[in-house]
């Protein structure tokens, strides 16, 4: 079933690329004889703060006080930069759906972390950067260890040849995201 889902996902992604309709993926390039399509995908999601009095985000997260109320908007820059071998075709249009952000509650704080990132020793991998719009006055702390291969939201080793059906550690919940046509709205300026 995993191989079928992967093939179906690659076909759907390929159709989107061929049709030129996926404007949320940019800077694409190929590697390994065209077997790998690298690039950057932009997604966004929202999350209700509930009773949380503070927000803890991965170190390096771009934070802007623009939101009102008790919701935050999370922007994700999902990058695949892989030059290694791939047993099956690998494409950012597909890999983006295995990457994202997750949350959990810790006392009076809402904790955000990333998941789905992997990398080889020298061949690159996948990476997720976050930007969040928060209500004015919300206490925000940046914390090491909430992203990358050591993220506490991550379960075990990455699964390269099938969809990760359980990418979260116990107590972590996925922030639902969708393609962001604003490409992060300039939040990820280099």
Foldseek 3Di string as FASTA:
>chain_A
DFLVVVVVQVVVLVVCVVVVPQLQWDDWDAADVRLEIWTKGKKKFKDFLPQAQAEEEAPPAAEAADDADRMKMKMKIKTFQFHDDDPGRYYCSRLVVLKAKKWADDVNYIYIAIWSWDADPPGTTMFMHMYMHGHPPRHYHHDHQRYDPRHQQADDDHDRRGRDPRGGDPRIGGGDMDGDSCNCVCSPPD
